[in-house]
Amino acid sequence: MSFDYKNLTGAHVRAARGLIDWRQDDLVEKSGVSKRSIQNIENNINITDRVRRDLYEAFEKAGLEFYNSDKPGVRFKGGD
């Protein structure tokens, strides 16, 4: 089952940034999303679907994929 960007959480964003060693400023540059919006999603403050989509697409272009099982997860594409 594929991951729906609307399910992107603060935990996903923090984990993805850590996995590819991006600071919030790097994610601002790659996604076009404001730093305040990134801080909001990472702190589980309400965020729009457009912001979730833009962040999701930036991480996807960086070679990451998201999944949900018992806990939210992120890995490099092709991981098991």
PDB file of N, CA and C in Angstrom:
ATOM      1  N   MET A   1       0.840  -1.180   0.000  1.00  0.00           N
ATOM      2  CA  MET A   1       0.000   0.000   0.000  1.00  0.00           C
ATOM      3  C   MET A   1       0.888   1.247   0.000  1.00  0.00           C
ATOM      4  N   SER A   2       0.568   2.178  -0.861  1.00  0.00           N
ATOM      5  CA  SER A   2       1.394   3.373  -0.959  1.00  0.00           C
ATOM      6  C   SER A   2       1.062   4.369   0.158  1.00  0.00           C
ATOM      7  N   PHE A   3       1.997   5.226   0.397  1.00  0.00           N
ATOM      8  CA  PHE A   3       1.866   6.222   1.455  1.00  0.00           C
ATOM      9  C   PHE A   3       1.178   7.452   0.897  1.00  0.00           C
ATOM     10  N   ASP A   4       0.192   7.974   1.597  1.00  0.00           N
ATOM     11  CA  ASP A   4      -0.514   9.195   1.212  1.00  0.00           C
ATOM     12  C   ASP A   4       0.143  10.376   1.925  1.00  0.00           C
ATOM     13  N   TYR A   5       0.599  11.353   1.151  1.00  0.00           N
ATOM     14  CA  TYR A   5       1.281  12.508   1.742  1.00  0.00           C
ATOM     15  C   TYR A   5       0.455  13.185   2.831  1.00  0.00           C
ATOM     16  N   LYS A   6      -0.860  13.033   2.804  1.00  0.00           N
ATOM     17  CA  LYS A   6      -1.717  13.648   3.823  1.00  0.00           C
ATOM     18  C   LYS A   6      -1.484  13.034   5.205  1.00  0.00           C
ATOM     19  N   ASN A   7      -0.807  11.886   5.243  1.00  0.00           N
ATOM     20  CA  ASN A   7      -0.488  11.225   6.515  1.00  0.00           C
ATOM     21  C   ASN A   7       0.880  11.615   7.059  1.00  0.00           C
ATOM     22  N   LEU A   8       1.571  12.510   6.371  1.00  0.00           N
ATOM     23  CA  LEU A   8       2.895  12.940   6.808  1.00  0.00           C
ATOM     24  C   LEU A   8       2.789  13.622   8.182  1.00  0.00           C
ATOM     25  N   THR A   9       3.604  13.184   9.116  1.00  0.00           N
ATOM     26  CA  THR A   9       3.568  13.699  10.484  1.00  0.00           C
ATOM     27  C   THR A   9       4.875  14.409  10.822  1.00  0.00           C
ATOM     28  N   GLY A  10       4.869  15.070  11.948  1.00  0.00           N
ATOM     29  CA  GLY A  10       6.089  15.689  12.452  1.00  0.00           C
ATOM     30  C   GLY A  10       7.187  14.670  12.665  1.00  0.00           C
ATOM     31  N   ALA A  11       6.816  13.490  13.141  1.00  0.00           N
ATOM     32  CA  ALA A  11       7.801  12.424  13.350  1.00  0.00           C
ATOM     33  C   ALA A  11       8.437  12.010  12.026  1.00  0.00           C
ATOM     34  N   HIS A  12       7.631  11.912  10.967  1.00  0.00           N
ATOM     35  CA  HIS A  12       8.180  11.599   9.649  1.00  0.00           C
ATOM     36  C   HIS A  12       9.191  12.655   9.223  1.00  0.00           C
ATOM     37  N   VAL A  13       8.811  13.919   9.362  1.00  0.00           N
ATOM     38  CA  VAL A  13       9.665  15.011   8.895  1.00  0.00           C
ATOM     39  C   VAL A  13      10.980  15.040   9.668  1.00  0.00           C
ATOM     40  N   ARG A  14      10.901  14.908  10.984  1.00  0.00           N
ATOM     41  CA  ARG A  14      12.127  14.902  11.792  1.00  0.00           C
ATOM     42  C   ARG A  14      13.020  13.725  11.424  1.00  0.00           C
ATOM     43  N   ALA A  15      12.410  12.551  11.259  1.00  0.00           N
ATOM     44  CA  ALA A  15      13.186  11.353  10.922  1.00  0.00           C
ATOM     45  C   ALA A  15      13.816  11.478   9.538  1.00  0.00           C
ATOM     46  N   ALA A  16      13.060  11.998   8.588  1.00  0.00           N
ATOM     47  CA  ALA A  16      13.579  12.146   7.226  1.00  0.00           C
ATOM     48  C   ALA A  16      14.738  13.132   7.199  1.00  0.00           C
ATOM     49  N   ARG A  17      14.584  14.248   7.891  1.00  0.00           N
ATOM     50  CA  ARG A  17      15.690  15.219   7.932  1.00  0.00           C
ATOM     51  C   ARG A  17      16.928  14.588   8.537  1.00  0.00           C
ATOM     52  N   GLY A  18      16.744  13.817   9.596  1.00  0.00           N
ATOM     53  CA  GLY A  18      17.876  13.168  10.243  1.00  0.00           C
ATOM     54  C   GLY A  18      18.552  12.150   9.344  1.00  0.00           C
ATOM     55  N   LEU A  19      17.747  11.413   8.595  1.00  0.00           N
ATOM     56  CA  LEU A  19      18.282  10.362   7.733  1.00  0.00           C
ATOM     57  C   LEU A  19      19.170  10.927   6.632  1.00  0.00           C
ATOM     58  N   ILE A  20      18.784  12.081   6.095  1.00  0.00           N
ATOM     59  CA  ILE A  20      19.592  12.660   5.013  1.00  0.00           C
ATOM     60  C   ILE A  20      20.413  13.861   5.476  1.00  0.00           C
ATOM     61  N   ASP A  21      20.427  14.078   6.793  1.00  0.00           N
ATOM     62  CA  ASP A  21      21.263  15.120   7.404  1.00  0.00           C
ATOM     63  C   ASP A  21      20.944  16.517   6.869  1.00  0.00           C
ATOM     64  N   TRP A  22      19.637  16.828   6.815  1.00  0.00           N
ATOM     65  CA  TRP A  22      19.191  18.160   6.414  1.00  0.00           C
ATOM     66  C   TRP A  22      18.804  18.955   7.647  1.00  0.00           C
ATOM     67  N   ARG A  23      19.238  20.186   7.689  1.00  0.00           N
ATOM     68  CA  ARG A  23      18.753  21.129   8.695  1.00  0.00           C
ATOM     69  C   ARG A  23      17.398  21.648   8.219  1.00  0.00           C
ATOM     70  N   GLN A  24      16.678  22.333   9.070  1.00  0.00           N
ATOM     71  CA  GLN A  24      15.408  22.919   8.639  1.00  0.00           C
ATOM     72  C   GLN A  24      15.636  23.865   7.469  1.00  0.00           C
ATOM     73  N   ASP A  25      16.729  24.624   7.502  1.00  0.00           N
ATOM     74  CA  ASP A  25      17.028  25.551   6.412  1.00  0.00           C
ATOM     75  C   ASP A  25      17.243  24.832   5.083  1.00  0.00           C
ATOM     76  N   ASP A  26      17.822  23.634   5.124  1.00  0.00           N
ATOM     77  CA  ASP A  26      17.983  22.838   3.902  1.00  0.00           C
ATOM     78  C   ASP A  26      16.618  22.449   3.346  1.00  0.00           C
ATOM     79  N   LEU A  27      15.721  22.055   4.228  1.00  0.00           N
ATOM     80  CA  LEU A  27      14.381  21.663   3.806  1.00  0.00           C
ATOM     81  C   LEU A  27      13.611  22.854   3.256  1.00  0.00           C
ATOM     82  N   VAL A  28      13.807  24.030   3.826  1.00  0.00           N
ATOM     83  CA  VAL A  28      13.201  25.258   3.282  1.00  0.00           C
ATOM     84  C   VAL A  28      13.642  25.428   1.828  1.00  0.00           C
ATOM     85  N   GLU A  29      14.926  25.300   1.595  1.00  0.00           N
ATOM     86  CA  GLU A  29      15.483  25.479   0.253  1.00  0.00           C
ATOM     87  C   GLU A  29      14.960  24.431  -0.723  1.00  0.00           C
ATOM     88  N   LYS A  30      14.903  23.181  -0.300  1.00  0.00           N
ATOM     89  CA  LYS A  30      14.511  22.081  -1.193  1.00  0.00           C
ATOM     90  C   LYS A  30      13.008  22.027  -1.446  1.00  0.00           C
ATOM     91  N   SER A  31      12.206  22.493  -0.485  1.00  0.00           N
ATOM     92  CA  SER A  31      10.751  22.337  -0.603  1.00  0.00           C
ATOM     93  C   SER A  31      10.005  23.621  -0.943  1.00  0.00           C
ATOM     94  N   GLY A  32      10.614  24.768  -0.635  1.00  0.00           N
ATOM     95  CA  GLY A  32       9.911  26.027  -0.807  1.00  0.00           C
ATOM     96  C   GLY A  32       8.924  26.327   0.304  1.00  0.00           C
ATOM     97  N   VAL A  33       8.926  25.506   1.334  1.00  0.00           N
ATOM     98  CA  VAL A  33       8.043  25.672   2.492  1.00  0.00           C
ATOM     99  C   VAL A  33       8.744  26.575   3.505  1.00  0.00           C
ATOM    100  N   SER A  34       7.995  27.443   4.154  1.00  0.00           N
ATOM    101  CA  SER A  34       8.595  28.355   5.133  1.00  0.00           C
ATOM    102  C   SER A  34       9.136  27.585   6.335  1.00  0.00           C
ATOM    103  N   LYS A  35      10.128  28.171   6.967  1.00  0.00           N
ATOM    104  CA  LYS A  35      10.706  27.562   8.159  1.00  0.00           C
ATOM    105  C   LYS A  35       9.661  27.448   9.263  1.00  0.00           C
ATOM    106  N   ARG A  36       8.795  28.452   9.397  1.00  0.00           N
ATOM    107  CA  ARG A  36       7.736  28.415  10.404  1.00  0.00           C
ATOM    108  C   ARG A  36       6.816  27.209  10.179  1.00  0.00           C
ATOM    109  N   SER A  37       6.463  26.924   8.918  1.00  0.00           N
ATOM    110  CA  SER A  37       5.602  25.769   8.629  1.00  0.00           C
ATOM    111  C   SER A  37       6.300  24.460   8.961  1.00  0.00           C
ATOM    112  N   ILE A  38       7.604  24.397   8.695  1.00  0.00           N
ATOM    113  CA  ILE A  38       8.365  23.195   9.043  1.00  0.00           C
ATOM    114  C   ILE A  38       8.395  23.025  10.558  1.00  0.00           C
ATOM    115  N   GLN A  39       8.631  24.099  11.273  1.00  0.00           N
ATOM    116  CA  GLN A  39       8.613  24.038  12.742  1.00  0.00           C
ATOM    117  C   GLN A  39       7.233  23.608  13.235  1.00  0.00           C
ATOM    118  N   ASN A  40       6.188  24.122  12.608  1.00  0.00           N
ATOM    119  CA  ASN A  40       4.835  23.760  13.019  1.00  0.00           C
ATOM    120  C   ASN A  40       4.561  22.277  12.843  1.00  0.00           C
ATOM    121  N   ILE A  41       4.882  21.726  11.671  1.00  0.00           N
ATOM    122  CA  ILE A  41       4.602  20.305  11.465  1.00  0.00           C
ATOM    123  C   ILE A  41       5.453  19.447  12.400  1.00  0.00           C
ATOM    124  N   GLU A  42       6.704  19.853  12.623  1.00  0.00           N
ATOM    125  CA  GLU A  42       7.563  19.066  13.516  1.00  0.00           C
ATOM    126  C   GLU A  42       7.079  19.120  14.954  1.00  0.00           C
ATOM    127  N   ASN A  43       6.326  20.143  15.296  1.00  0.00           N
ATOM    128  CA  ASN A  43       5.759  20.267  16.649  1.00  0.00           C
ATOM    129  C   ASN A  43       4.286  19.881  16.699  1.00  0.00           C
ATOM    130  N   ASN A  44       3.828  19.203  15.636  1.00  0.00           N
ATOM    131  CA  ASN A  44       2.453  18.698  15.563  1.00  0.00           C
ATOM    132  C   ASN A  44       1.407  19.792  15.691  1.00  0.00           C
ATOM    133  N   ILE A  45       1.724  20.949  15.113  1.00  0.00           N
ATOM    134  CA  ILE A  45       0.773  22.047  15.037  1.00  0.00           C
ATOM    135  C   ILE A  45       0.105  21.960  13.669  1.00  0.00           C
ATOM    136  N   ASN A  46      -1.166  22.252  13.615  1.00  0.00           N
ATOM    137  CA  ASN A  46      -1.951  22.127  12.390  1.00  0.00           C
ATOM    138  C   ASN A  46      -1.225  22.682  11.172  1.00  0.00           C
ATOM    139  N   ILE A  47      -1.272  21.940  10.076  1.00  0.00           N
ATOM    140  CA  ILE A  47      -0.575  22.318   8.852  1.00  0.00           C
ATOM    141  C   ILE A  47      -1.445  21.943   7.652  1.00  0.00           C
ATOM    142  N   THR A  48      -1.312  22.648   6.558  1.00  0.00           N
ATOM    143  CA  THR A  48      -2.152  22.395   5.386  1.00  0.00           C
ATOM    144  C   THR A  48      -1.655  21.194   4.588  1.00  0.00           C
ATOM    145  N   ASP A  49      -2.560  20.636   3.797  1.00  0.00           N
ATOM    146  CA  ASP A  49      -2.185  19.530   2.922  1.00  0.00           C
ATOM    147  C   ASP A  49      -1.161  19.969   1.883  1.00  0.00           C
ATOM    148  N   ARG A  50      -1.221  21.231   1.440  1.00  0.00           N
ATOM    149  CA  ARG A  50      -0.257  21.717   0.459  1.00  0.00           C
ATOM    150  C   ARG A  50       1.165  21.661   1.023  1.00  0.00           C
ATOM    151  N   VAL A  51       1.311  22.056   2.281  1.00  0.00           N
ATOM    152  CA  VAL A  51       2.624  22.008   2.922  1.00  0.00           C
ATOM    153  C   VAL A  51       3.078  20.562   3.064  1.00  0.00           C
ATOM    154  N   ARG A  52       2.185  19.695   3.496  1.00  0.00           N
ATOM    155  CA  ARG A  52       2.532  18.270   3.602  1.00  0.00           C
ATOM    156  C   ARG A  52       2.992  17.729   2.251  1.00  0.00           C
ATOM    157  N   ARG A  53       2.269  18.077   1.185  1.00  0.00           N
ATOM    158  CA  ARG A  53       2.618  17.605  -0.154  1.00  0.00           C
ATOM    159  C   ARG A  53       3.986  18.124  -0.576  1.00  0.00           C
ATOM    160  N   ASP A  54       4.247  19.405  -0.371  1.00  0.00           N
ATOM    161  CA  ASP A  54       5.527  19.982  -0.775  1.00  0.00           C
ATOM    162  C   ASP A  54       6.699  19.352  -0.025  1.00  0.00           C
ATOM    163  N   LEU A  55       6.523  19.098   1.268  1.00  0.00           N
ATOM    164  CA  LEU A  55       7.577  18.442   2.043  1.00  0.00           C
ATOM    165  C   LEU A  55       7.773  17.007   1.567  1.00  0.00           C
ATOM    166  N   TYR A  56       6.675  16.306   1.378  1.00  0.00           N
ATOM    167  CA  TYR A  56       6.724  14.929   0.897  1.00  0.00           C
ATOM    168  C   TYR A  56       7.483  14.841  -0.428  1.00  0.00           C
ATOM    169  N   GLU A  57       7.158  15.738  -1.354  1.00  0.00           N
ATOM    170  CA  GLU A  57       7.809  15.721  -2.666  1.00  0.00           C
ATOM    171  C   GLU A  57       9.303  16.028  -2.568  1.00  0.00           C
ATOM    172  N   ALA A  58       9.687  16.930  -1.692  1.00  0.00           N
ATOM    173  CA  ALA A  58      11.112  17.241  -1.514  1.00  0.00           C
ATOM    174  C   ALA A  58      11.868  16.020  -0.998  1.00  0.00           C
ATOM    175  N   PHE A  59      11.290  15.321  -0.034  1.00  0.00           N
ATOM    176  CA  PHE A  59      11.947  14.120   0.491  1.00  0.00           C
ATOM    177  C   PHE A  59      11.978  13.005  -0.549  1.00  0.00           C
ATOM    178  N   GLU A  60      10.900  12.882  -1.303  1.00  0.00           N
ATOM    179  CA  GLU A  60      10.851  11.859  -2.344  1.00  0.00           C
ATOM    180  C   GLU A  60      11.953  12.106  -3.390  1.00  0.00           C
ATOM    181  N   LYS A  61      12.141  13.356  -3.783  1.00  0.00           N
ATOM    182  CA  LYS A  61      13.201  13.694  -4.736  1.00  0.00           C
ATOM    183  C   LYS A  61      14.582  13.399  -4.171  1.00  0.00           C
ATOM    184  N   ALA A  62      14.707  13.438  -2.843  1.00  0.00           N
ATOM    185  CA  ALA A  62      15.987  13.141  -2.185  1.00  0.00           C
ATOM    186  C   ALA A  62      16.210  11.631  -2.036  1.00  0.00           C
ATOM    187  N   GLY A  63      15.251  10.829  -2.496  1.00  0.00           N
ATOM    188  CA  GLY A  63      15.433   9.382  -2.475  1.00  0.00           C
ATOM    189  C   GLY A  63      14.832   8.668  -1.283  1.00  0.00           C
ATOM    190  N   LEU A  64      13.917   9.335  -0.578  1.00  0.00           N
ATOM    191  CA  LEU A  64      13.295   8.718   0.589  1.00  0.00           C
ATOM    192  C   LEU A  64      11.878   8.254   0.273  1.00  0.00           C
ATOM    193  N   GLU A  65      11.413   7.286   1.045  1.00  0.00           N
ATOM    194  CA  GLU A  65      10.019   6.868   0.987  1.00  0.00           C
ATOM    195  C   GLU A  65       9.502   6.712   2.407  1.00  0.00           C
ATOM    196  N   PHE A  66       8.216   6.937   2.554  1.00  0.00           N
ATOM    197  CA  PHE A  66       7.566   6.858   3.859  1.00  0.00           C
ATOM    198  C   PHE A  66       6.658   5.643   3.889  1.00  0.00           C
ATOM    199  N   TYR A  67       6.434   5.129   5.086  1.00  0.00           N
ATOM    200  CA  TYR A  67       5.526   3.999   5.247  1.00  0.00           C
ATOM    201  C   TYR A  67       4.904   4.065   6.630  1.00  0.00           C
ATOM    202  N   ASN A  68       3.823   3.374   6.765  1.00  0.00           N
ATOM    203  CA  ASN A  68       3.161   3.264   8.062  1.00  0.00           C
ATOM    204  C   ASN A  68       2.960   1.791   8.356  1.00  0.00           C
ATOM    205  N   SER A  69       3.373   1.400   9.508  1.00  0.00           N
ATOM    206  CA  SER A  69       3.045   0.082  10.027  1.00  0.00           C
ATOM    207  C   SER A  69       2.580   0.343  11.446  1.00  0.00           C
ATOM    208  N   ASP A  70       3.198  -0.251  12.420  1.00  0.00           N
ATOM    209  CA  ASP A  70       2.815   0.044  13.802  1.00  0.00           C
ATOM    210  C   ASP A  70       3.226   1.457  14.186  1.00  0.00           C
ATOM    211  N   LYS A  71       4.309   1.947  13.579  1.00  0.00           N
ATOM    212  CA  LYS A  71       4.821   3.288  13.857  1.00  0.00           C
ATOM    213  C   LYS A  71       5.215   3.921  12.536  1.00  0.00           C
ATOM    214  N   PRO A  72       5.119   5.262  12.413  1.00  0.00           N
ATOM    215  CA  PRO A  72       5.529   5.908  11.173  1.00  0.00           C
ATOM    216  C   PRO A  72       6.993   5.645  10.874  1.00  0.00           C
ATOM    217  N   GLY A  73       7.297   5.471   9.595  1.00  0.00           N
ATOM    218  CA  GLY A  73       8.679   5.209   9.233  1.00  0.00           C
ATOM    219  C   GLY A  73       9.088   5.897   7.959  1.00  0.00           C
ATOM    220  N   VAL A  74      10.408   6.000   7.783  1.00  0.00           N
ATOM    221  CA  VAL A  74      11.005   6.569   6.575  1.00  0.00           C
ATOM    222  C   VAL A  74      12.277   5.779   6.296  1.00  0.00           C
ATOM    223  N   ARG A  75      12.546   5.588   5.012  1.00  0.00           N
ATOM    224  CA  ARG A  75      13.750   4.863   4.607  1.00  0.00           C
ATOM    225  C   ARG A  75      14.149   5.305   3.213  1.00  0.00           C
ATOM    226  N   PHE A  76      15.336   4.906   2.808  1.00  0.00           N
ATOM    227  CA  PHE A  76      15.747   5.154   1.439  1.00  0.00           C
ATOM    228  C   PHE A  76      14.930   4.253   0.528  1.00  0.00           C
ATOM    229  N   LYS A  77      14.580   4.740  -0.654  1.00  0.00           N
ATOM    230  CA  LYS A  77      13.797   3.942  -1.607  1.00  0.00           C
ATOM    231  C   LYS A  77      14.490   2.623  -1.866  1.00  0.00           C
ATOM    232  N   GLY A  78      13.693   1.584  -1.945  1.00  0.00           N
ATOM    233  CA  GLY A  78      14.230   0.258  -2.188  1.00  0.00           C
ATOM    234  C   GLY A  78      14.600  -0.482  -0.923  1.00  0.00           C
ATOM    235  N   GLY A  79      14.415   0.155   0.251  1.00  0.00           N
ATOM    236  CA  GLY A  79      14.716  -0.506   1.516  1.00  0.00           C
ATOM    237  C   GLY A  79      13.660  -1.539   1.856  1.00  0.00           C
ATOM    238  N   ASP A  80      14.018  -2.467   2.713  1.00  0.00           N
ATOM    239  CA  ASP A  80      13.056  -3.521   3.109  1.00  0.00           C
ATOM    240  C   ASP A  80      12.450  -3.253   4.446  1.00  0.00           C
TER     241      ASP A  80
END
